[in-house]
Amino acid sequence: MNEAHIDWPRAWGGVSGSGLIKSTADDFQVVEELSFEPAREGEHVFLYIEKQGENTDYVARLLARFAGVRQRDIGYAGLKDRHARTRQWFSIWLPGKPEPDWGQIETEQIKVLQSSRHLRKLKRGAIRCNHFQIELRDWHGENSRLQQQLQQIKTAGFPNYFALQRFGRDGQNLNKALAMFNGLRVKRQQRSLYLSAARSWLFNQILAERVRQGNWNRLIEGDMCQLDNSHSLFEYDDSDNTLQERCQAGDIHPTAVLFGETTRHFSEISQRILRQYPEITDGLSAFGLTADYRALRVMPQNLHWQQTSVSQWRLNFSLPAGAYATALIRELITIEPL
């Protein structure tokens, strides 16, 4: 299914021009900031690693082999792009064991920047934010319109789409999910990947319809609200006039469901979109997933930009865990899959 490459609608009037990102690893830099500080003691070694040209799973497998532990004993807070220069934390469970010389795993692509200890394994999602510096090269377009869109994004946010990499090359993760729903046997790790792709696809379809209707950044009947920079949820009560004001101010965000079993209700838009994909919803239901919710909007922090040459711009901003920098960039240019 190549539908994962559908050009979902943009919120701020379509692209302003054309350009390239990720021409080199240094053109797409990501620095992970955890939601806590390592305790400097405990059974888990925390390593702060800079990598380029390698994905997070590869580094995790490398650490497991080098330390002589099981793959499950390696932790990380989030996946980071291969085609980038990224800095992120990993944990290795070494109870009562001496640390190996981590410098021996270093290559031109992988550097160990810091080592610490902590009491518990690093869990997925334990991120305060990710800091980005992105070079937009070979720019051709309207400079004034680009700056206007960036100001709109800075003030009012952008749609929180799952990026194309979530669905695999040519949507292969979504295709495998459909095959799995029809009886294909897959490994546990792959099963989680394919289920996630299917739920993400449905979310993007709901968000796309909200963007088309112009209500992606305001509350409508049936919405669950999410507090900014929090996982706290509550049902929208349209009799409370302060909620729309808080939404406009960015204090709370409308959400859409990550499909699964739930006792909560959905908006009419969500129900209508979900009914269009019975093969996916039935398949997800068969696996007994519990519903979750994801904000429809992202408010970037510390967004600023600079035109460094006639054909180049530099963007700096921070995003919460789970948000994609490429979802912001696609509001400005068309991003071709790598």
C-alpha atoms as a PDB file:
ATOM      1  CA  MET A   1       0.000   0.000   0.000  1.00  0.00           C
ATOM      2  CA  ASN A   2       1.673   3.199  -1.158  1.00  0.00           C
ATOM      3  CA  GLU A   3      -0.965   5.324   0.539  1.00  0.00           C
ATOM      4  CA  ALA A   4       1.552   6.110   3.300  1.00  0.00           C
ATOM      5  CA  HIS A   5       3.104   8.507   0.800  1.00  0.00           C
ATOM      6  CA  ILE A   6      -0.107  10.499   0.371  1.00  0.00           C
ATOM      7  CA  ASP A   7       0.646  14.203   0.549  1.00  0.00           C
ATOM      8  CA  TRP A   8      -1.450  14.976   3.614  1.00  0.00           C
ATOM      9  CA  PRO A   9      -2.846  18.533   3.649  1.00  0.00           C
ATOM     10  CA  ARG A  10      -0.763  21.328   5.094  1.00  0.00           C
ATOM     11  CA  ALA A  11      -2.052  23.862   7.583  1.00  0.00           C
ATOM     12  CA  TRP A  12      -0.424  27.081   6.409  1.00  0.00           C
ATOM     13  CA  GLY A  13      -1.234  27.351   2.717  1.00  0.00           C
ATOM     14  CA  GLY A  14       1.107  24.842   1.103  1.00  0.00           C
ATOM     15  CA  VAL A  15       4.840  24.861   0.494  1.00  0.00           C
ATOM     16  CA  SER A  16       6.714  28.138   0.026  1.00  0.00           C
ATOM     17  CA  GLY A  17       9.358  26.709  -2.263  1.00  0.00           C
ATOM     18  CA  SER A  18      11.780  23.858  -2.736  1.00  0.00           C
ATOM     19  CA  GLY A  19      14.949  22.846  -0.945  1.00  0.00           C
ATOM     20  CA  LEU A  20      17.011  19.998   0.430  1.00  0.00           C
ATOM     21  CA  ILE A  21      17.555  18.726   3.962  1.00  0.00           C
ATOM     22  CA  LYS A  22      19.980  15.995   5.050  1.00  0.00           C
ATOM     23  CA  SER A  23      22.450  16.731   2.261  1.00  0.00           C
ATOM     24  CA  THR A  24      25.030  15.824   4.906  1.00  0.00           C
ATOM     25  CA  ALA A  25      24.761  14.476   8.440  1.00  0.00           C
ATOM     26  CA  ASP A  26      25.582  17.913   9.853  1.00  0.00           C
ATOM     27  CA  ASP A  27      22.612  19.399   7.997  1.00  0.00           C
ATOM     28  CA  PHE A  28      20.234  17.586  10.364  1.00  0.00           C
ATOM     29  CA  GLN A  29      21.425  17.686  13.973  1.00  0.00           C
ATOM     30  CA  VAL A  30      19.434  16.347  16.931  1.00  0.00           C
ATOM     31  CA  VAL A  31      20.308  16.611  20.617  1.00  0.00           C
ATOM     32  CA  GLU A  32      18.199  14.575  23.047  1.00  0.00           C
ATOM     33  CA  GLU A  33      17.361  15.994  26.467  1.00  0.00           C
ATOM     34  CA  LEU A  34      16.083  13.480  29.020  1.00  0.00           C
ATOM     35  CA  SER A  35      13.257  14.247  31.436  1.00  0.00           C
ATOM     36  CA  PHE A  36      15.552  13.437  34.379  1.00  0.00           C
ATOM     37  CA  GLU A  37      19.213  13.447  35.395  1.00  0.00           C
ATOM     38  CA  PRO A  38      21.003  10.093  35.883  1.00  0.00           C
ATOM     39  CA  ALA A  39      21.500   9.384  39.586  1.00  0.00           C
ATOM     40  CA  ARG A  40      25.214   8.573  39.065  1.00  0.00           C
ATOM     41  CA  GLU A  41      24.742   5.270  40.864  1.00  0.00           C
ATOM     42  CA  GLY A  42      22.935   2.005  40.185  1.00  0.00           C
ATOM     43  CA  GLU A  43      23.084  -1.143  38.065  1.00  0.00           C
ATOM     44  CA  HIS A  44      22.459   0.570  34.735  1.00  0.00           C
ATOM     45  CA  VAL A  45      25.263   2.303  32.837  1.00  0.00           C
ATOM     46  CA  PHE A  46      24.039   5.345  30.919  1.00  0.00           C
ATOM     47  CA  LEU A  47      26.022   6.299  27.810  1.00  0.00           C
ATOM     48  CA  TYR A  48      25.569   9.570  25.930  1.00  0.00           C
ATOM     49  CA  ILE A  49      26.455   8.732  22.323  1.00  0.00           C
ATOM     50  CA  GLU A  50      26.886  10.816  19.204  1.00  0.00           C
ATOM     51  CA  LYS A  51      26.216   8.926  15.999  1.00  0.00           C
ATOM     52  CA  GLN A  52      25.838   9.519  12.283  1.00  0.00           C
ATOM     53  CA  GLY A  53      25.016   7.111   9.474  1.00  0.00           C
ATOM     54  CA  GLU A  54      23.656   4.515  11.925  1.00  0.00           C
ATOM     55  CA  ASN A  55      20.182   4.066  13.365  1.00  0.00           C
ATOM     56  CA  THR A  56      19.335   3.664  17.037  1.00  0.00           C
ATOM     57  CA  ASP A  57      18.591  -0.068  16.839  1.00  0.00           C
ATOM     58  CA  TYR A  58      21.998  -0.740  15.315  1.00  0.00           C
ATOM     59  CA  VAL A  59      23.774   1.053  18.156  1.00  0.00           C
ATOM     60  CA  ALA A  60      21.652  -0.832  20.714  1.00  0.00           C
ATOM     61  CA  ARG A  61      22.637  -4.176  19.163  1.00  0.00           C
ATOM     62  CA  LEU A  62      26.279  -3.091  19.072  1.00  0.00           C
ATOM     63  CA  LEU A  63      26.204  -2.211  22.779  1.00  0.00           C
ATOM     64  CA  ALA A  64      24.567  -5.541  23.669  1.00  0.00           C
ATOM     65  CA  ARG A  65      27.218  -7.531  21.814  1.00  0.00           C
ATOM     66  CA  PHE A  66      30.090  -5.497  23.192  1.00  0.00           C
ATOM     67  CA  ALA A  67      28.866  -5.646  26.815  1.00  0.00           C
ATOM     68  CA  GLY A  68      27.853  -9.317  26.555  1.00  0.00           C
ATOM     69  CA  VAL A  69      24.241  -8.709  27.586  1.00  0.00           C
ATOM     70  CA  ARG A  70      20.844  -9.490  26.098  1.00  0.00           C
ATOM     71  CA  GLN A  71      19.172  -7.077  23.720  1.00  0.00           C
ATOM     72  CA  ARG A  72      16.426  -6.543  26.306  1.00  0.00           C
ATOM     73  CA  ASP A  73      19.048  -5.198  28.739  1.00  0.00           C
ATOM     74  CA  ILE A  74      19.657  -2.182  26.504  1.00  0.00           C
ATOM     75  CA  GLY A  75      17.424   0.858  26.886  1.00  0.00           C
ATOM     76  CA  TYR A  76      16.922   4.072  24.948  1.00  0.00           C
ATOM     77  CA  ALA A  77      14.359   6.852  25.156  1.00  0.00           C
ATOM     78  CA  GLY A  78      13.610   7.308  21.464  1.00  0.00           C
ATOM     79  CA  LEU A  79      14.566   6.415  17.906  1.00  0.00           C
ATOM     80  CA  LYS A  80      16.845   8.846  16.118  1.00  0.00           C
ATOM     81  CA  ASP A  81      17.328   9.306  12.395  1.00  0.00           C
ATOM     82  CA  ARG A  82      20.151   7.497  10.612  1.00  0.00           C
ATOM     83  CA  HIS A  83      20.672  10.324   8.106  1.00  0.00           C
ATOM     84  CA  ALA A  84      21.663  12.873  10.748  1.00  0.00           C
ATOM     85  CA  ARG A  85      24.154  13.731  13.469  1.00  0.00           C
ATOM     86  CA  THR A  86      22.374  12.814  16.687  1.00  0.00           C
ATOM     87  CA  ARG A  87      23.194  12.733  20.383  1.00  0.00           C
ATOM     88  CA  GLN A  88      21.169  10.393  22.576  1.00  0.00           C
ATOM     89  CA  TRP A  89      21.307   8.290  25.747  1.00  0.00           C
ATOM     90  CA  PHE A  90      21.468   4.500  26.000  1.00  0.00           C
ATOM     91  CA  SER A  91      21.376   2.330  29.125  1.00  0.00           C
ATOM     92  CA  ILE A  92      23.069  -1.050  29.667  1.00  0.00           C
ATOM     93  CA  TRP A  93      22.159  -3.292  32.604  1.00  0.00           C
ATOM     94  CA  LEU A  94      25.408  -4.431  34.234  1.00  0.00           C
ATOM     95  CA  PRO A  95      24.500  -5.616  37.763  1.00  0.00           C
ATOM     96  CA  GLY A  96      27.662  -6.256  39.740  1.00  0.00           C
ATOM     97  CA  LYS A  97      29.772  -6.225  36.587  1.00  0.00           C
ATOM     98  CA  PRO A  98      32.717  -3.960  35.748  1.00  0.00           C
ATOM     99  CA  GLU A  99      32.285  -1.593  32.860  1.00  0.00           C
ATOM    100  CA  PRO A 100      34.097  -2.435  29.644  1.00  0.00           C
ATOM    101  CA  ASP A 101      36.238   0.152  27.889  1.00  0.00           C
ATOM    102  CA  TRP A 102      33.521   1.941  25.945  1.00  0.00           C
ATOM    103  CA  GLY A 103      36.138   3.680  23.834  1.00  0.00           C
ATOM    104  CA  GLN A 104      36.647   0.399  21.983  1.00  0.00           C
ATOM    105  CA  ILE A 105      33.271   0.731  20.258  1.00  0.00           C
ATOM    106  CA  GLU A 106      34.082   4.156  18.873  1.00  0.00           C
ATOM    107  CA  THR A 107      34.329   4.626  15.115  1.00  0.00           C
ATOM    108  CA  GLU A 108      34.093   7.579  12.757  1.00  0.00           C
ATOM    109  CA  GLN A 109      30.311   7.186  13.037  1.00  0.00           C
ATOM    110  CA  ILE A 110      29.950   6.515  16.788  1.00  0.00           C
ATOM    111  CA  LYS A 111      31.439   8.476  19.703  1.00  0.00           C
ATOM    112  CA  VAL A 112      30.852   8.001  23.449  1.00  0.00           C
ATOM    113  CA  LEU A 113      30.579  11.497  24.918  1.00  0.00           C
ATOM    114  CA  GLN A 114      29.614  10.757  28.512  1.00  0.00           C
ATOM    115  CA  SER A 115      29.100   7.862  30.932  1.00  0.00           C
ATOM    116  CA  SER A 116      27.016   7.773  34.104  1.00  0.00           C
ATOM    117  CA  ARG A 117      24.993   5.352  36.242  1.00  0.00           C
ATOM    118  CA  HIS A 118      21.327   5.105  37.123  1.00  0.00           C
ATOM    119  CA  LEU A 119      19.034   2.944  39.246  1.00  0.00           C
ATOM    120  CA  ARG A 120      16.664   1.950  36.435  1.00  0.00           C
ATOM    121  CA  LYS A 121      16.662   1.122  32.749  1.00  0.00           C
ATOM    122  CA  LEU A 122      16.104   3.999  30.347  1.00  0.00           C
ATOM    123  CA  LYS A 123      12.487   3.791  29.197  1.00  0.00           C
ATOM    124  CA  ARG A 124      10.992   4.803  25.857  1.00  0.00           C
ATOM    125  CA  GLY A 125       9.528   8.291  25.905  1.00  0.00           C
ATOM    126  CA  ALA A 126      11.601   9.539  28.873  1.00  0.00           C
ATOM    127  CA  ILE A 127      12.482  12.678  26.909  1.00  0.00           C
ATOM    128  CA  ARG A 128      11.855  16.279  27.875  1.00  0.00           C
ATOM    129  CA  CYS A 129      12.501  17.413  24.319  1.00  0.00           C
ATOM    130  CA  ASN A 130      14.717  17.054  21.271  1.00  0.00           C
ATOM    131  CA  HIS A 131      16.709  20.056  20.045  1.00  0.00           C
ATOM    132  CA  PHE A 132      17.127  20.432  16.280  1.00  0.00           C
ATOM    133  CA  GLN A 133      19.390  22.404  13.982  1.00  0.00           C
ATOM    134  CA  ILE A 134      18.460  21.958  10.336  1.00  0.00           C
ATOM    135  CA  GLU A 135      20.115  23.376   7.240  1.00  0.00           C
ATOM    136  CA  LEU A 136      17.767  23.959   4.317  1.00  0.00           C
ATOM    137  CA  ARG A 137      19.954  24.021   1.202  1.00  0.00           C
ATOM    138  CA  ASP A 138      19.362  24.707  -2.484  1.00  0.00           C
ATOM    139  CA  TRP A 139      16.430  26.929  -1.515  1.00  0.00           C
ATOM    140  CA  HIS A 140      14.246  28.302  -4.292  1.00  0.00           C
ATOM    141  CA  GLY A 141      11.098  30.110  -3.254  1.00  0.00           C
ATOM    142  CA  GLU A 142       9.504  33.178  -1.732  1.00  0.00           C
ATOM    143  CA  ASN A 143      11.580  34.372   1.204  1.00  0.00           C
ATOM    144  CA  SER A 144       8.850  36.587   2.626  1.00  0.00           C
ATOM    145  CA  ARG A 145       6.267  33.792   2.468  1.00  0.00           C
ATOM    146  CA  LEU A 146       8.670  31.326   4.090  1.00  0.00           C
ATOM    147  CA  GLN A 147       9.234  33.719   6.979  1.00  0.00           C
ATOM    148  CA  GLN A 148       5.499  34.331   7.305  1.00  0.00           C
ATOM    149  CA  GLN A 149       4.848  30.582   7.566  1.00  0.00           C
ATOM    150  CA  LEU A 150       7.632  30.155  10.105  1.00  0.00           C
ATOM    151  CA  GLN A 151       6.096  32.935  12.198  1.00  0.00           C
ATOM    152  CA  GLN A 152       2.681  31.223  11.980  1.00  0.00           C
ATOM    153  CA  ILE A 153       4.226  27.934  13.103  1.00  0.00           C
ATOM    154  CA  LYS A 154       6.049  29.689  15.943  1.00  0.00           C
ATOM    155  CA  THR A 155       2.843  31.324  17.134  1.00  0.00           C
ATOM    156  CA  ALA A 156       0.208  28.663  16.435  1.00  0.00           C
ATOM    157  CA  GLY A 157       2.061  25.365  15.897  1.00  0.00           C
ATOM    158  CA  PHE A 158       1.859  22.765  13.132  1.00  0.00           C
ATOM    159  CA  PRO A 159      -0.038  19.488  12.533  1.00  0.00           C
ATOM    160  CA  ASN A 160       1.459  16.616  14.532  1.00  0.00           C
ATOM    161  CA  TYR A 161       1.648  14.110  11.671  1.00  0.00           C
ATOM    162  CA  PHE A 162       3.609  10.905  11.960  1.00  0.00           C
ATOM    163  CA  ALA A 163       6.393  11.254   9.400  1.00  0.00           C
ATOM    164  CA  LEU A 164       6.849   8.947   6.408  1.00  0.00           C
ATOM    165  CA  GLN A 165       9.642   6.966   8.068  1.00  0.00           C
ATOM    166  CA  ARG A 166       7.015   5.642  10.486  1.00  0.00           C
ATOM    167  CA  PHE A 167       5.523   3.633   7.633  1.00  0.00           C
ATOM    168  CA  GLY A 168       8.739   2.256   6.126  1.00  0.00           C
ATOM    169  CA  ARG A 169       9.999   2.596   2.593  1.00  0.00           C
ATOM    170  CA  ASP A 170       7.053   2.674   0.166  1.00  0.00           C
ATOM    171  CA  GLY A 171       4.721   2.018   3.104  1.00  0.00           C
ATOM    172  CA  GLN A 172       6.111  -1.477   3.690  1.00  0.00           C
ATOM    173  CA  ASN A 173       5.359  -1.418   7.447  1.00  0.00           C
ATOM    174  CA  LEU A 174       1.714  -0.719   6.707  1.00  0.00           C
ATOM    175  CA  ASN A 175       1.648  -3.450   4.051  1.00  0.00           C
ATOM    176  CA  LYS A 176       3.131  -5.911   6.551  1.00  0.00           C
ATOM    177  CA  ALA A 177       0.527  -4.902   9.134  1.00  0.00           C
ATOM    178  CA  LEU A 178      -2.258  -5.749   6.681  1.00  0.00           C
ATOM    179  CA  ALA A 179      -0.570  -9.057   5.855  1.00  0.00           C
ATOM    180  CA  MET A 180      -0.237  -9.785   9.566  1.00  0.00           C
ATOM    181  CA  PHE A 181      -3.939  -9.093  10.079  1.00  0.00           C
ATOM    182  CA  ASN A 182      -4.565 -11.702   7.355  1.00  0.00           C
ATOM    183  CA  GLY A 183      -2.497 -14.368   9.102  1.00  0.00           C
ATOM    184  CA  LEU A 184       1.173 -13.635   8.374  1.00  0.00           C
ATOM    185  CA  ARG A 185       3.322 -14.757  11.327  1.00  0.00           C
ATOM    186  CA  VAL A 186       5.959 -12.229  12.371  1.00  0.00           C
ATOM    187  CA  LYS A 187       8.465 -11.804  15.173  1.00  0.00           C
ATOM    188  CA  ARG A 188       7.464  -9.936  18.310  1.00  0.00           C
ATOM    189  CA  GLN A 189       9.574  -6.862  17.573  1.00  0.00           C
ATOM    190  CA  GLN A 190       8.239  -6.673  14.027  1.00  0.00           C
ATOM    191  CA  ARG A 191       4.674  -7.101  15.281  1.00  0.00           C
ATOM    192  CA  SER A 192       5.034  -4.030  17.485  1.00  0.00           C
ATOM    193  CA  LEU A 193       6.461  -2.046  14.551  1.00  0.00           C
ATOM    194  CA  TYR A 194       3.621  -3.006  12.220  1.00  0.00           C
ATOM    195  CA  LEU A 195       0.877  -2.366  14.786  1.00  0.00           C
ATOM    196  CA  SER A 196       2.363   1.046  15.448  1.00  0.00           C
ATOM    197  CA  ALA A 197       2.402   1.835  11.727  1.00  0.00           C
ATOM    198  CA  ALA A 198      -1.262   0.877  11.384  1.00  0.00           C
ATOM    199  CA  ARG A 199      -2.338   3.040  14.330  1.00  0.00           C
ATOM    200  CA  SER A 200      -0.208   5.924  13.073  1.00  0.00           C
ATOM    201  CA  TRP A 201      -1.800   5.685   9.640  1.00  0.00           C
ATOM    202  CA  LEU A 202      -5.292   6.001  11.110  1.00  0.00           C
ATOM    203  CA  PHE A 203      -4.199   8.950  13.254  1.00  0.00           C
ATOM    204  CA  ASN A 204      -2.780  10.755  10.222  1.00  0.00           C
ATOM    205  CA  GLN A 205      -6.017  10.201   8.316  1.00  0.00           C
ATOM    206  CA  ILE A 206      -8.020  11.776  11.146  1.00  0.00           C
ATOM    207  CA  LEU A 207      -5.597  14.679  11.459  1.00  0.00           C
ATOM    208  CA  ALA A 208      -5.647  15.232   7.691  1.00  0.00           C
ATOM    209  CA  GLU A 209      -9.435  15.606   7.773  1.00  0.00           C
ATOM    210  CA  ARG A 210      -9.201  18.025  10.692  1.00  0.00           C
ATOM    211  CA  VAL A 211      -6.676  20.093   8.706  1.00  0.00           C
ATOM    212  CA  ARG A 212      -9.020  20.099   5.696  1.00  0.00           C
ATOM    213  CA  GLN A 213     -11.846  21.346   7.913  1.00  0.00           C
ATOM    214  CA  GLY A 214      -9.640  23.925   9.603  1.00  0.00           C
ATOM    215  CA  ASN A 215     -10.251  22.641  13.142  1.00  0.00           C
ATOM    216  CA  TRP A 216      -6.979  20.785  13.802  1.00  0.00           C
ATOM    217  CA  ASN A 217      -5.898  23.470  16.267  1.00  0.00           C
ATOM    218  CA  ARG A 218      -9.182  23.981  18.142  1.00  0.00           C
ATOM    219  CA  LEU A 219     -11.471  21.805  20.219  1.00  0.00           C
ATOM    220  CA  ILE A 220     -14.630  20.176  18.863  1.00  0.00           C
ATOM    221  CA  GLU A 221     -17.300  18.006  20.448  1.00  0.00           C
ATOM    222  CA  GLY A 222     -16.009  14.552  21.367  1.00  0.00           C
ATOM    223  CA  ASP A 223     -12.375  15.631  21.694  1.00  0.00           C
ATOM    224  CA  MET A 224     -10.048  14.528  24.427  1.00  0.00           C
ATOM    225  CA  CYS A 225      -7.840  17.422  25.581  1.00  0.00           C
ATOM    226  CA  GLN A 226      -4.169  17.063  26.426  1.00  0.00           C
ATOM    227  CA  LEU A 227      -2.233  19.452  28.613  1.00  0.00           C
ATOM    228  CA  ASP A 228       0.818  20.932  26.906  1.00  0.00           C
ATOM    229  CA  ASN A 229       4.027  19.001  27.655  1.00  0.00           C
ATOM    230  CA  SER A 230       2.036  16.405  29.577  1.00  0.00           C
ATOM    231  CA  HIS A 231       0.262  13.094  29.102  1.00  0.00           C
ATOM    232  CA  SER A 232      -2.709  14.311  31.164  1.00  0.00           C
ATOM    233  CA  LEU A 233      -6.035  13.927  29.348  1.00  0.00           C
ATOM    234  CA  PHE A 234      -9.578  15.081  30.013  1.00  0.00           C
ATOM    235  CA  GLU A 235     -12.798  15.254  28.004  1.00  0.00           C
ATOM    236  CA  TYR A 236     -13.711  18.505  26.290  1.00  0.00           C
ATOM    237  CA  ASP A 237     -16.709  20.216  27.877  1.00  0.00           C
ATOM    238  CA  ASP A 238     -18.087  22.825  25.481  1.00  0.00           C
ATOM    239  CA  SER A 239     -19.904  24.530  28.343  1.00  0.00           C
ATOM    240  CA  ASP A 240     -16.529  25.622  29.726  1.00  0.00           C
ATOM    241  CA  ASN A 241     -15.731  28.729  27.718  1.00  0.00           C
ATOM    242  CA  THR A 242     -12.184  28.900  29.040  1.00  0.00           C
ATOM    243  CA  LEU A 243     -11.095  25.721  27.259  1.00  0.00           C
ATOM    244  CA  GLN A 244     -11.090  27.215  23.761  1.00  0.00           C
ATOM    245  CA  GLU A 245      -9.113  30.170  25.093  1.00  0.00           C
ATOM    246  CA  ARG A 246      -6.595  27.829  26.693  1.00  0.00           C
ATOM    247  CA  CYS A 247      -6.379  25.887  23.433  1.00  0.00           C
ATOM    248  CA  GLN A 248      -5.726  29.060  21.449  1.00  0.00           C
ATOM    249  CA  ALA A 249      -3.010  29.998  23.937  1.00  0.00           C
ATOM    250  CA  GLY A 250      -1.340  26.586  23.514  1.00  0.00           C
ATOM    251  CA  ASP A 251      -1.988  25.484  27.105  1.00  0.00           C
ATOM    252  CA  ILE A 252      -4.051  22.497  25.937  1.00  0.00           C
ATOM    253  CA  HIS A 253      -4.335  20.661  22.623  1.00  0.00           C
ATOM    254  CA  PRO A 254      -7.025  18.662  20.849  1.00  0.00           C
ATOM    255  CA  THR A 255      -6.114  15.017  20.342  1.00  0.00           C
ATOM    256  CA  ALA A 256      -7.047  12.096  18.123  1.00  0.00           C
ATOM    257  CA  VAL A 257      -7.121   8.469  19.089  1.00  0.00           C
ATOM    258  CA  LEU A 258      -4.356   5.963  18.519  1.00  0.00           C
ATOM    259  CA  PHE A 259      -6.853   3.214  17.853  1.00  0.00           C
ATOM    260  CA  GLY A 260      -7.580   0.499  20.401  1.00  0.00           C
ATOM    261  CA  GLU A 261     -10.087  -0.546  23.025  1.00  0.00           C
ATOM    262  CA  THR A 262     -11.435   2.389  25.009  1.00  0.00           C
ATOM    263  CA  THR A 263     -14.439   3.455  27.087  1.00  0.00           C
ATOM    264  CA  ARG A 264     -14.019   7.032  25.919  1.00  0.00           C
ATOM    265  CA  HIS A 265     -15.895   8.495  22.989  1.00  0.00           C
ATOM    266  CA  PHE A 266     -14.495   9.891  19.753  1.00  0.00           C
ATOM    267  CA  SER A 267     -15.402  12.975  17.770  1.00  0.00           C
ATOM    268  CA  GLU A 268     -17.762  12.475  14.843  1.00  0.00           C
ATOM    269  CA  ILE A 269     -14.860  13.096  12.464  1.00  0.00           C
ATOM    270  CA  SER A 270     -12.804  10.350  14.083  1.00  0.00           C
ATOM    271  CA  GLN A 271     -15.694   7.885  13.963  1.00  0.00           C
ATOM    272  CA  ARG A 272     -16.314   8.610  10.298  1.00  0.00           C
ATOM    273  CA  ILE A 273     -12.644   8.199   9.313  1.00  0.00           C
ATOM    274  CA  LEU A 274     -12.229   4.985  11.325  1.00  0.00           C
ATOM    275  CA  ARG A 275     -15.282   3.440   9.631  1.00  0.00           C
ATOM    276  CA  GLN A 276     -13.521   3.892   6.276  1.00  0.00           C
ATOM    277  CA  TYR A 277     -10.749   1.442   7.250  1.00  0.00           C
ATOM    278  CA  PRO A 278     -12.422  -1.663   8.724  1.00  0.00           C
ATOM    279  CA  GLU A 279      -9.545  -3.939   7.665  1.00  0.00           C
ATOM    280  CA  ILE A 280      -7.172  -1.922   9.858  1.00  0.00           C
ATOM    281  CA  THR A 281      -9.496  -1.316  12.812  1.00  0.00           C
ATOM    282  CA  ASP A 282     -10.623  -4.963  12.895  1.00  0.00           C
ATOM    283  CA  GLY A 283      -7.019  -6.114  12.674  1.00  0.00           C
ATOM    284  CA  LEU A 284      -5.925  -3.835  15.525  1.00  0.00           C
ATOM    285  CA  SER A 285      -8.901  -4.914  17.643  1.00  0.00           C
ATOM    286  CA  ALA A 286      -7.891  -8.563  17.215  1.00  0.00           C
ATOM    287  CA  PHE A 287      -4.598  -7.788  18.945  1.00  0.00           C
ATOM    288  CA  GLY A 288      -6.360  -6.279  21.955  1.00  0.00           C
ATOM    289  CA  LEU A 289      -4.561  -2.942  21.974  1.00  0.00           C
ATOM    290  CA  THR A 290      -5.629  -0.294  24.464  1.00  0.00           C
ATOM    291  CA  ALA A 291      -6.399   3.080  22.920  1.00  0.00           C
ATOM    292  CA  ASP A 292      -4.082   6.001  23.457  1.00  0.00           C
ATOM    293  CA  TYR A 293      -4.295   9.632  22.400  1.00  0.00           C
ATOM    294  CA  ARG A 294      -1.903  11.954  20.590  1.00  0.00           C
ATOM    295  CA  ALA A 295      -2.043  15.727  20.294  1.00  0.00           C
ATOM    296  CA  LEU A 296      -3.130  17.005  16.896  1.00  0.00           C
ATOM    297  CA  ARG A 297      -0.872  20.032  17.217  1.00  0.00           C
ATOM    298  CA  VAL A 298       2.753  20.699  18.168  1.00  0.00           C
ATOM    299  CA  MET A 299       3.987  24.021  19.508  1.00  0.00           C
ATOM    300  CA  PRO A 300       7.732  24.218  18.778  1.00  0.00           C
ATOM    301  CA  GLN A 301       9.861  25.864  21.419  1.00  0.00           C
ATOM    302  CA  ASN A 302      12.587  28.420  20.718  1.00  0.00           C
ATOM    303  CA  LEU A 303      11.937  28.405  16.979  1.00  0.00           C
ATOM    304  CA  HIS A 304      14.199  30.833  15.171  1.00  0.00           C
ATOM    305  CA  TRP A 305      15.581  31.017  11.663  1.00  0.00           C
ATOM    306  CA  GLN A 306      18.323  32.696   9.687  1.00  0.00           C
ATOM    307  CA  GLN A 307      19.036  33.025   5.994  1.00  0.00           C
ATOM    308  CA  THR A 308      22.734  32.197   5.807  1.00  0.00           C
ATOM    309  CA  SER A 309      23.046  32.659   2.037  1.00  0.00           C
ATOM    310  CA  VAL A 310      20.838  33.309  -0.970  1.00  0.00           C
ATOM    311  CA  SER A 311      20.042  29.588  -1.221  1.00  0.00           C
ATOM    312  CA  GLN A 312      20.335  28.437   2.396  1.00  0.00           C
ATOM    313  CA  TRP A 313      18.370  28.776   5.648  1.00  0.00           C
ATOM    314  CA  ARG A 314      19.165  27.528   9.147  1.00  0.00           C
ATOM    315  CA  LEU A 315      16.332  26.532  11.493  1.00  0.00           C
ATOM    316  CA  ASN A 316      16.637  25.891  15.225  1.00  0.00           C
ATOM    317  CA  PHE A 317      13.829  24.613  17.427  1.00  0.00           C
ATOM    318  CA  SER A 318      12.887  22.082  20.111  1.00  0.00           C
ATOM    319  CA  LEU A 319      10.069  19.528  20.014  1.00  0.00           C
ATOM    320  CA  PRO A 320       8.503  17.245  22.629  1.00  0.00           C
ATOM    321  CA  ALA A 321       8.982  13.478  22.543  1.00  0.00           C
ATOM    322  CA  GLY A 322       7.155  11.814  19.659  1.00  0.00           C
ATOM    323  CA  ALA A 323       6.970  14.897  17.427  1.00  0.00           C
ATOM    324  CA  TYR A 324       8.777  14.892  14.078  1.00  0.00           C
ATOM    325  CA  ALA A 325      10.954  17.731  12.814  1.00  0.00           C
ATOM    326  CA  THR A 326      10.107  16.671   9.266  1.00  0.00           C
ATOM    327  CA  ALA A 327       6.423  17.330  10.029  1.00  0.00           C
ATOM    328  CA  LEU A 328       7.399  20.958  10.602  1.00  0.00           C
ATOM    329  CA  ILE A 329       9.666  21.121   7.541  1.00  0.00           C
ATOM    330  CA  ARG A 330       6.989  19.647   5.241  1.00  0.00           C
ATOM    331  CA  GLU A 331       4.839  22.711   5.920  1.00  0.00           C
ATOM    332  CA  LEU A 332       7.540  24.686   4.074  1.00  0.00           C
ATOM    333  CA  ILE A 333       8.877  22.356   1.364  1.00  0.00           C
ATOM    334  CA  THR A 334       8.095  18.952  -0.137  1.00  0.00           C
ATOM    335  CA  ILE A 335      10.277  16.325   1.517  1.00  0.00           C
ATOM    336  CA  GLU A 336      11.306  13.459  -0.710  1.00  0.00           C
ATOM    337  CA  PRO A 337      11.714  10.074   1.038  1.00  0.00           C
ATOM    338  CA  LEU A 338      15.328   8.913   1.346  1.00  0.00           C
END
